[in-house]
């Protein structure tokens, strides 16, 4: 009889562990999401031939489905000129 009570207590404690772990993983993912997106965008900007660009910061609002890009830098690199031309 006591072993059944111990098993029930163990399962009651265990069934809350999985949802808590999932919630914590989602929170951690949300905290690192702007950094992940910023590195992805900077990689894409670096791969554009003839241009050099970078993004300083990205803010993401998941509830509104919006994002804000801070300090986008994009220059066109001319083949004949060593200086960078601002992209306008």
PDB file of N, CA and C in Angstrom:
ATOM      1  N   UNK A   1       0.809  -1.193   0.000  1.00  0.00           N
ATOM      2  CA  UNK A   1       0.000   0.000   0.000  1.00  0.00           C
ATOM      3  C   UNK A   1       0.859   1.267   0.000  1.00  0.00           C
ATOM      4  N   UNK A   2       1.940   1.232   0.768  1.00  0.00           N
ATOM      5  CA  UNK A   2       2.794   2.415   0.827  1.00  0.00           C
ATOM      6  C   UNK A   2       3.578   2.608  -0.469  1.00  0.00           C
ATOM      7  N   UNK A   3       3.920   1.518  -1.128  1.00  0.00           N
ATOM      8  CA  UNK A   3       4.653   1.661  -2.388  1.00  0.00           C
ATOM      9  C   UNK A   3       3.797   2.340  -3.445  1.00  0.00           C
ATOM     10  N   UNK A   4       2.487   2.089  -3.451  1.00  0.00           N
ATOM     11  CA  UNK A   4       1.601   2.760  -4.403  1.00  0.00           C
ATOM     12  C   UNK A   4       1.544   4.255  -4.127  1.00  0.00           C
ATOM     13  N   UNK A   5       1.498   4.646  -2.858  1.00  0.00           N
ATOM     14  CA  UNK A   5       1.474   6.069  -2.509  1.00  0.00           C
ATOM     15  C   UNK A   5       2.781   6.749  -2.903  1.00  0.00           C
ATOM     16  N   UNK A   6       3.897   6.047  -2.722  1.00  0.00           N
ATOM     17  CA  UNK A   6       5.185   6.614  -3.113  1.00  0.00           C
ATOM     18  C   UNK A   6       5.260   6.797  -4.628  1.00  0.00           C
ATOM     19  N   UNK A   7       4.752   5.815  -5.378  1.00  0.00           N
ATOM     20  CA  UNK A   7       4.750   5.919  -6.833  1.00  0.00           C
ATOM     21  C   UNK A   7       3.873   7.074  -7.299  1.00  0.00           C
ATOM     22  N   UNK A   8       2.732   7.238  -6.655  1.00  0.00           N
ATOM     23  CA  UNK A   8       1.839   8.337  -7.037  1.00  0.00           C
ATOM     24  C   UNK A   8       2.487   9.689  -6.767  1.00  0.00           C
ATOM     25  N   UNK A   9       3.146   9.823  -5.633  1.00  0.00           N
ATOM     26  CA  UNK A   9       3.820  11.084  -5.317  1.00  0.00           C
ATOM     27  C   UNK A   9       4.939  11.361  -6.321  1.00  0.00           C
ATOM     28  N   UNK A  10       5.658  10.298  -6.685  1.00  0.00           N
ATOM     29  CA  UNK A  10       6.737  10.451  -7.655  1.00  0.00           C
ATOM     30  C   UNK A  10       6.200  10.915  -9.006  1.00  0.00           C
ATOM     31  N   UNK A  11       5.114  10.315  -9.470  1.00  0.00           N
ATOM     32  CA  UNK A  11       4.533  10.706 -10.758  1.00  0.00           C
ATOM     33  C   UNK A  11       3.917  12.099 -10.704  1.00  0.00           C
ATOM     34  N   UNK A  12       3.359  12.484  -9.575  1.00  0.00           N
ATOM     35  CA  UNK A  12       2.815  13.840  -9.461  1.00  0.00           C
ATOM     36  C   UNK A  12       3.925  14.870  -9.577  1.00  0.00           C
ATOM     37  N   UNK A  13       5.080  14.595  -8.967  1.00  0.00           N
ATOM     38  CA  UNK A  13       6.207  15.511  -9.067  1.00  0.00           C
ATOM     39  C   UNK A  13       6.786  15.499 -10.483  1.00  0.00           C
ATOM     40  N   UNK A  14       6.830  14.343 -11.076  1.00  0.00           N
ATOM     41  CA  UNK A  14       7.437  14.195 -12.392  1.00  0.00           C
ATOM     42  C   UNK A  14       6.592  14.823 -13.499  1.00  0.00           C
ATOM     43  N   UNK A  15       5.294  14.810 -13.385  1.00  0.00           N
ATOM     44  CA  UNK A  15       4.464  15.333 -14.465  1.00  0.00           C
ATOM     45  C   UNK A  15       4.543  16.853 -14.583  1.00  0.00           C
ATOM     46  N   UNK A  16       4.974  17.524 -13.531  1.00  0.00           N
ATOM     47  CA  UNK A  16       5.158  18.976 -13.615  1.00  0.00           C
ATOM     48  C   UNK A  16       6.529  19.346 -14.161  1.00  0.00           C
ATOM     49  N   UNK A  17       7.454  18.416 -14.140  1.00  0.00           N
ATOM     50  CA  UNK A  17       8.821  18.717 -14.567  1.00  0.00           C
ATOM     51  C   UNK A  17       8.891  19.003 -16.063  1.00  0.00           C
ATOM     52  N   UNK A  18       8.242  18.210 -16.886  1.00  0.00           N
ATOM     53  CA  UNK A  18       8.312  18.395 -18.334  1.00  0.00           C
ATOM     54  C   UNK A  18       7.734  19.738 -18.794  1.00  0.00           C
ATOM     55  N   UNK A  19       6.552  20.143 -18.356  1.00  0.00           N
ATOM     56  CA  UNK A  19       6.066  21.474 -18.777  1.00  0.00           C
ATOM     57  C   UNK A  19       6.954  22.618 -18.291  1.00  0.00           C
ATOM     58  N   UNK A  20       7.516  22.495 -17.101  1.00  0.00           N
ATOM     59  CA  UNK A  20       8.401  23.548 -16.593  1.00  0.00           C
ATOM     60  C   UNK A  20       9.665  23.623 -17.435  1.00  0.00           C
ATOM     61  N   UNK A  21      10.218  22.475 -17.809  1.00  0.00           N
ATOM     62  CA  UNK A  21      11.414  22.461 -18.650  1.00  0.00           C
ATOM     63  C   UNK A  21      11.119  23.067 -20.015  1.00  0.00           C
ATOM     64  N   UNK A  22       9.976  22.750 -20.598  1.00  0.00           N
ATOM     65  CA  UNK A  22       9.604  23.302 -21.904  1.00  0.00           C
ATOM     66  C   UNK A  22       9.434  24.818 -21.820  1.00  0.00           C
ATOM     67  N   UNK A  23       8.782  25.286 -20.774  1.00  0.00           N
ATOM     68  CA  UNK A  23       8.596  26.733 -20.597  1.00  0.00           C
ATOM     69  C   UNK A  23       9.936  27.434 -20.433  1.00  0.00           C
ATOM     70  N   UNK A  24      10.839  26.857 -19.653  1.00  0.00           N
ATOM     71  CA  UNK A  24      12.158  27.462 -19.463  1.00  0.00           C
ATOM     72  C   UNK A  24      12.952  27.485 -20.772  1.00  0.00           C
ATOM     73  N   UNK A  25      12.862  26.421 -21.561  1.00  0.00           N
ATOM     74  CA  UNK A  25      13.548  26.409 -22.855  1.00  0.00           C
ATOM     75  C   UNK A  25      12.989  27.469 -23.802  1.00  0.00           C
ATOM     76  N   UNK A  26      11.682  27.664 -23.794  1.00  0.00           N
ATOM     77  CA  UNK A  26      11.079  28.708 -24.632  1.00  0.00           C
ATOM     78  C   UNK A  26      11.512  30.103 -24.197  1.00  0.00           C
ATOM     79  N   UNK A  27      11.628  30.315 -22.899  1.00  0.00           N
ATOM     80  CA  UNK A  27      12.082  31.621 -22.393  1.00  0.00           C
ATOM     81  C   UNK A  27      13.526  31.878 -22.806  1.00  0.00           C
ATOM     82  N   UNK A  28      14.378  30.869 -22.677  1.00  0.00           N
ATOM     83  CA  UNK A  28      15.781  31.021 -23.067  1.00  0.00           C
ATOM     84  C   UNK A  28      15.884  31.275 -24.569  1.00  0.00           C
ATOM     85  N   UNK A  29      15.089  30.538 -25.367  1.00  0.00           N
ATOM     86  CA  UNK A  29      15.095  30.764 -26.820  1.00  0.00           C
ATOM     87  C   UNK A  29      14.670  32.183 -27.148  1.00  0.00           C
ATOM     88  N   UNK A  30      13.661  32.689 -26.469  1.00  0.00           N
ATOM     89  CA  UNK A  30      13.174  34.060 -26.703  1.00  0.00           C
ATOM     90  C   UNK A  30      14.251  35.080 -26.360  1.00  0.00           C
ATOM     91  N   UNK A  31      15.019  34.821 -25.293  1.00  0.00           N
ATOM     92  CA  UNK A  31      16.072  35.759 -24.908  1.00  0.00           C
ATOM     93  C   UNK A  31      17.201  35.799 -25.944  1.00  0.00           C
ATOM     94  N   UNK A  32      17.514  34.665 -26.553  1.00  0.00           N
ATOM     95  CA  UNK A  32      18.597  34.612 -27.530  1.00  0.00           C
ATOM     96  C   UNK A  32      18.140  34.863 -28.966  1.00  0.00           C
ATOM     97  N   UNK A  33      16.852  34.980 -29.204  1.00  0.00           N
ATOM     98  CA  UNK A  33      16.325  35.156 -30.557  1.00  0.00           C
ATOM     99  C   UNK A  33      16.877  36.394 -31.266  1.00  0.00           C
ATOM    100  N   UNK A  34      16.936  37.568 -30.646  1.00  0.00           N
ATOM    101  CA  UNK A  34      17.498  38.735 -31.360  1.00  0.00           C
ATOM    102  C   UNK A  34      18.960  38.537 -31.768  1.00  0.00           C
ATOM    103  N   UNK A  35      19.736  37.870 -30.937  1.00  0.00           N
ATOM    104  CA  UNK A  35      21.135  37.621 -31.262  1.00  0.00           C
ATOM    105  C   UNK A  35      21.252  36.659 -32.436  1.00  0.00           C
ATOM    106  N   UNK A  36      20.417  35.636 -32.456  1.00  0.00           N
ATOM    107  CA  UNK A  36      20.424  34.664 -33.548  1.00  0.00           C
ATOM    108  C   UNK A  36      20.032  35.338 -34.861  1.00  0.00           C
ATOM    109  N   UNK A  37      18.981  36.155 -34.828  1.00  0.00           N
ATOM    110  CA  UNK A  37      18.515  36.838 -36.039  1.00  0.00           C
ATOM    111  C   UNK A  37      19.552  37.850 -36.512  1.00  0.00           C
ATOM    112  N   UNK A  38      20.185  38.567 -35.588  1.00  0.00           N
ATOM    113  CA  UNK A  38      21.208  39.554 -35.958  1.00  0.00           C
ATOM    114  C   UNK A  38      22.386  38.881 -36.654  1.00  0.00           C
ATOM    115  N   UNK A  39      22.856  37.762 -36.138  1.00  0.00           N
ATOM    116  CA  UNK A  39      23.979  37.084 -36.782  1.00  0.00           C
ATOM    117  C   UNK A  39      23.575  36.527 -38.150  1.00  0.00           C
ATOM    118  N   UNK A  40      22.336  36.070 -38.290  1.00  0.00           N
ATOM    119  CA  UNK A  40      21.846  35.591 -39.586  1.00  0.00           C
ATOM    120  C   UNK A  40      21.796  36.735 -40.608  1.00  0.00           C
ATOM    121  N   UNK A  41      21.249  37.881 -40.206  1.00  0.00           N
ATOM    122  CA  UNK A  41      21.134  39.032 -41.116  1.00  0.00           C
ATOM    123  C   UNK A  41      22.522  39.528 -41.506  1.00  0.00           C
ATOM    124  N   UNK A  42      23.446  39.593 -40.551  1.00  0.00           N
ATOM    125  CA  UNK A  42      24.803  40.032 -40.879  1.00  0.00           C
ATOM    126  C   UNK A  42      25.482  39.052 -41.830  1.00  0.00           C
ATOM    127  N   UNK A  43      25.206  37.773 -41.688  1.00  0.00           N
ATOM    128  CA  UNK A  43      25.751  36.783 -42.617  1.00  0.00           C
ATOM    129  C   UNK A  43      25.197  36.952 -44.019  1.00  0.00           C
ATOM    130  N   UNK A  44      23.905  37.222 -44.124  1.00  0.00           N
ATOM    131  CA  UNK A  44      23.287  37.442 -45.434  1.00  0.00           C
ATOM    132  C   UNK A  44      23.828  38.714 -46.074  1.00  0.00           C
ATOM    133  N   UNK A  45      23.988  39.770 -45.292  1.00  0.00           N
ATOM    134  CA  UNK A  45      24.536  41.018 -45.834  1.00  0.00           C
ATOM    135  C   UNK A  45      25.986  40.836 -46.271  1.00  0.00           C
ATOM    136  N   UNK A  46      26.737  40.002 -45.600  1.00  0.00           N
ATOM    137  CA  UNK A  46      28.132  39.766 -45.974  1.00  0.00           C
ATOM    138  C   UNK A  46      28.244  38.964 -47.264  1.00  0.00           C
ATOM    139  N   UNK A  47      27.218  38.183 -47.592  1.00  0.00           N
ATOM    140  CA  UNK A  47      27.254  37.341 -48.782  1.00  0.00           C
ATOM    141  C   UNK A  47      26.793  38.043 -50.057  1.00  0.00           C
ATOM    142  N   UNK A  48      26.312  39.264 -49.963  1.00  0.00           N
ATOM    143  CA  UNK A  48      25.851  39.989 -51.153  1.00  0.00           C
ATOM    144  C   UNK A  48      27.076  40.460 -51.938  1.00  0.00           C
ATOM    145  N   UNK A  49      27.224  40.029 -53.189  1.00  0.00           N
ATOM    146  CA  UNK A  49      28.397  40.446 -53.966  1.00  0.00           C
ATOM    147  C   UNK A  49      28.320  41.925 -54.335  1.00  0.00           C
ATOM    148  N   UNK A  50      29.441  42.622 -54.145  1.00  0.00           N
ATOM    149  CA  UNK A  50      29.523  44.026 -54.508  1.00  0.00           C
ATOM    150  C   UNK A  50      29.062  44.978 -53.414  1.00  0.00           C
ATOM    151  N   UNK A  51      28.635  44.446 -52.292  1.00  0.00           N
ATOM    152  CA  UNK A  51      28.154  45.277 -51.191  1.00  0.00           C
ATOM    153  C   UNK A  51      28.764  44.811 -49.881  1.00  0.00           C
ATOM    154  N   UNK A  52      28.871  45.737 -48.966  1.00  0.00           N
ATOM    155  CA  UNK A  52      29.330  45.420 -47.609  1.00  0.00           C
ATOM    156  C   UNK A  52      28.332  46.041 -46.644  1.00  0.00           C
ATOM    157  N   UNK A  53      27.820  45.244 -45.717  1.00  0.00           N
ATOM    158  CA  UNK A  53      26.826  45.783 -44.799  1.00  0.00           C
ATOM    159  C   UNK A  53      26.831  45.077 -43.466  1.00  0.00           C
ATOM    160  N   UNK A  54      26.200  45.723 -42.496  1.00  0.00           N
ATOM    161  CA  UNK A  54      26.092  45.155 -41.156  1.00  0.00           C
ATOM    162  C   UNK A  54      24.908  45.792 -40.440  1.00  0.00           C
ATOM    163  N   UNK A  55      24.419  45.078 -39.439  1.00  0.00           N
ATOM    164  CA  UNK A  55      23.341  45.554 -38.584  1.00  0.00           C
ATOM    165  C   UNK A  55      23.869  45.575 -37.160  1.00  0.00           C
ATOM    166  N   UNK A  56      23.602  46.666 -36.440  1.00  0.00           N
ATOM    167  CA  UNK A  56      24.104  46.767 -35.067  1.00  0.00           C
ATOM    168  C   UNK A  56      23.219  46.027 -34.071  1.00  0.00           C
ATOM    169  N   UNK A  57      21.890  46.160 -34.219  1.00  0.00           N
ATOM    170  CA  UNK A  57      20.985  45.553 -33.241  1.00  0.00           C
ATOM    171  C   UNK A  57      19.629  45.309 -33.895  1.00  0.00           C
ATOM    172  N   UNK A  58      18.929  44.277 -33.401  1.00  0.00           N
ATOM    173  CA  UNK A  58      17.579  43.978 -33.863  1.00  0.00           C
ATOM    174  C   UNK A  58      16.703  43.736 -32.645  1.00  0.00           C
ATOM    175  N   UNK A  59      15.585  44.429 -32.581  1.00  0.00           N
ATOM    176  CA  UNK A  59      14.591  44.219 -31.522  1.00  0.00           C
ATOM    177  C   UNK A  59      13.412  43.467 -32.122  1.00  0.00           C
ATOM    178  N   UNK A  60      12.926  42.444 -31.399  1.00  0.00           N
ATOM    179  CA  UNK A  60      11.838  41.613 -31.908  1.00  0.00           C
ATOM    180  C   UNK A  60      10.693  41.623 -30.896  1.00  0.00           C
ATOM    181  N   UNK A  61       9.488  41.866 -31.410  1.00  0.00           N
ATOM    182  CA  UNK A  61       8.271  41.791 -30.606  1.00  0.00           C
ATOM    183  C   UNK A  61       7.410  40.664 -31.167  1.00  0.00           C
ATOM    184  N   UNK A  62       7.391  39.536 -30.475  1.00  0.00           N
ATOM    185  CA  UNK A  62       6.668  38.370 -30.982  1.00  0.00           C
ATOM    186  C   UNK A  62       5.160  38.562 -30.942  1.00  0.00           C
ATOM    187  N   UNK A  63       4.659  39.230 -29.945  1.00  0.00           N
ATOM    188  CA  UNK A  63       3.208  39.396 -29.803  1.00  0.00           C
ATOM    189  C   UNK A  63       2.656  40.246 -30.944  1.00  0.00           C
ATOM    190  N   UNK A  64       3.345  41.337 -31.260  1.00  0.00           N
ATOM    191  CA  UNK A  64       2.890  42.198 -32.359  1.00  0.00           C
ATOM    192  C   UNK A  64       3.328  41.673 -33.714  1.00  0.00           C
ATOM    193  N   UNK A  65       4.318  40.793 -33.724  1.00  0.00           N
ATOM    194  CA  UNK A  65       4.856  40.308 -34.990  1.00  0.00           C
ATOM    195  C   UNK A  65       5.682  41.380 -35.680  1.00  0.00           C
ATOM    196  N   UNK A  66       6.404  42.164 -34.893  1.00  0.00           N
ATOM    197  CA  UNK A  66       7.164  43.284 -35.447  1.00  0.00           C
ATOM    198  C   UNK A  66       8.632  43.176 -35.061  1.00  0.00           C
ATOM    199  N   UNK A  67       9.466  43.855 -35.831  1.00  0.00           N
ATOM    200  CA  UNK A  67      10.884  43.937 -35.511  1.00  0.00           C
ATOM    201  C   UNK A  67      11.394  45.320 -35.872  1.00  0.00           C
ATOM    202  N   UNK A  68      12.465  45.728 -35.209  1.00  0.00           N
ATOM    203  CA  UNK A  68      13.092  47.016 -35.461  1.00  0.00           C
ATOM    204  C   UNK A  68      14.574  46.757 -35.690  1.00  0.00           C
ATOM    205  N   UNK A  69      15.103  47.281 -36.796  1.00  0.00           N
ATOM    206  CA  UNK A  69      16.520  47.159 -37.115  1.00  0.00           C
ATOM    207  C   UNK A  69      17.196  48.475 -36.767  1.00  0.00           C
ATOM    208  N   UNK A  70      18.229  48.410 -35.930  1.00  0.00           N
ATOM    209  CA  UNK A  70      18.974  49.600 -35.520  1.00  0.00           C
ATOM    210  C   UNK A  70      20.303  49.655 -36.265  1.00  0.00           C
ATOM    211  N   UNK A  71      20.603  50.823 -36.811  1.00  0.00           N
ATOM    212  CA  UNK A  71      21.880  51.127 -37.455  1.00  0.00           C
ATOM    213  C   UNK A  71      22.250  50.126 -38.544  1.00  0.00           C
ATOM    214  N   UNK A  72      21.487  50.150 -39.613  1.00  0.00           N
ATOM    215  CA  UNK A  72      21.803  49.362 -40.794  1.00  0.00           C
ATOM    216  C   UNK A  72      22.852  50.110 -41.609  1.00  0.00           C
ATOM    217  N   UNK A  73      23.941  49.431 -41.906  1.00  0.00           N
ATOM    218  CA  UNK A  73      25.051  50.012 -42.640  1.00  0.00           C
ATOM    219  C   UNK A  73      25.212  49.223 -43.925  1.00  0.00           C
ATOM    220  N   UNK A  74      25.109  49.882 -45.081  1.00  0.00           N
ATOM    221  CA  UNK A  74      25.229  49.191 -46.365  1.00  0.00           C
ATOM    222  C   UNK A  74      25.998  50.084 -47.333  1.00  0.00           C
ATOM    223  N   UNK A  75      27.134  49.580 -47.816  1.00  0.00           N
ATOM    224  CA  UNK A  75      27.974  50.313 -48.768  1.00  0.00           C
ATOM    225  C   UNK A  75      28.142  49.498 -50.030  1.00  0.00           C
ATOM    226  N   UNK A  76      28.185  50.211 -51.161  1.00  0.00           N
ATOM    227  CA  UNK A  76      28.469  49.570 -52.439  1.00  0.00           C
ATOM    228  C   UNK A  76      29.966  49.663 -52.693  1.00  0.00           C
ATOM    229  N   UNK A  77      30.560  48.551 -53.039  1.00  0.00           N
ATOM    230  CA  UNK A  77      31.991  48.514 -53.301  1.00  0.00           C
ATOM    231  C   UNK A  77      32.186  48.542 -54.809  1.00  0.00           C
ATOM    232  N   UNK A  78      32.801  49.618 -55.307  1.00  0.00           N
ATOM    233  CA  UNK A  78      33.084  49.736 -56.739  1.00  0.00           C
ATOM    234  C   UNK A  78      34.362  48.982 -57.060  1.00  0.00           C
ATOM    235  N   UNK A  79      34.377  48.358 -58.237  1.00  0.00           N
ATOM    236  CA  UNK A  79      35.547  47.567 -58.620  1.00  0.00           C
ATOM    237  C   UNK A  79      36.759  48.450 -58.899  1.00  0.00           C
ATOM    238  N   UNK A  80      36.556  49.600 -59.507  1.00  0.00           N
ATOM    239  CA  UNK A  80      37.677  50.462 -59.871  1.00  0.00           C
ATOM    240  C   UNK A  80      38.134  51.369 -58.754  1.00  0.00           C
ATOM    241  N   UNK A  81      37.314  51.620 -57.763  1.00  0.00           N
ATOM    242  CA  UNK A  81      37.642  52.551 -56.689  1.00  0.00           C
ATOM    243  C   UNK A  81      37.808  51.749 -55.401  1.00  0.00           C
ATOM    244  N   UNK A  82      38.868  52.039 -54.662  1.00  0.00           N
ATOM    245  CA  UNK A  82      39.099  51.311 -53.417  1.00  0.00           C
ATOM    246  C   UNK A  82      38.225  51.838 -52.278  1.00  0.00           C
ATOM    247  N   UNK A  83      37.744  53.075 -52.397  1.00  0.00           N
ATOM    248  CA  UNK A  83      36.893  53.661 -51.349  1.00  0.00           C
ATOM    249  C   UNK A  83      35.481  53.102 -51.465  1.00  0.00           C
ATOM    250  N   UNK A  84      34.802  53.065 -50.369  1.00  0.00           N
ATOM    251  CA  UNK A  84      33.427  52.558 -50.336  1.00  0.00           C
ATOM    252  C   UNK A  84      32.467  53.711 -50.624  1.00  0.00           C
ATOM    253  N   UNK A  85      31.449  53.427 -51.425  1.00  0.00           N
ATOM    254  CA  UNK A  85      30.432  54.394 -51.775  1.00  0.00           C
ATOM    255  C   UNK A  85      29.194  54.132 -50.940  1.00  0.00           C
ATOM    256  N   UNK A  86      28.659  55.143 -50.244  1.00  0.00           N
ATOM    257  CA  UNK A  86      27.443  54.914 -49.455  1.00  0.00           C
ATOM    258  C   UNK A  86      26.281  54.500 -50.358  1.00  0.00           C
ATOM    259  N   UNK A  87      25.493  53.554 -49.903  1.00  0.00           N
ATOM    260  CA  UNK A  87      24.329  53.085 -50.636  1.00  0.00           C
ATOM    261  C   UNK A  87      23.181  54.043 -50.396  1.00  0.00           C
ATOM    262  N   UNK A  88      22.630  54.622 -51.476  1.00  0.00           N
ATOM    263  CA  UNK A  88      21.507  55.557 -51.305  1.00  0.00           C
ATOM    264  C   UNK A  88      20.337  55.116 -52.142  1.00  0.00           C
TER     265      UNK A  88
END
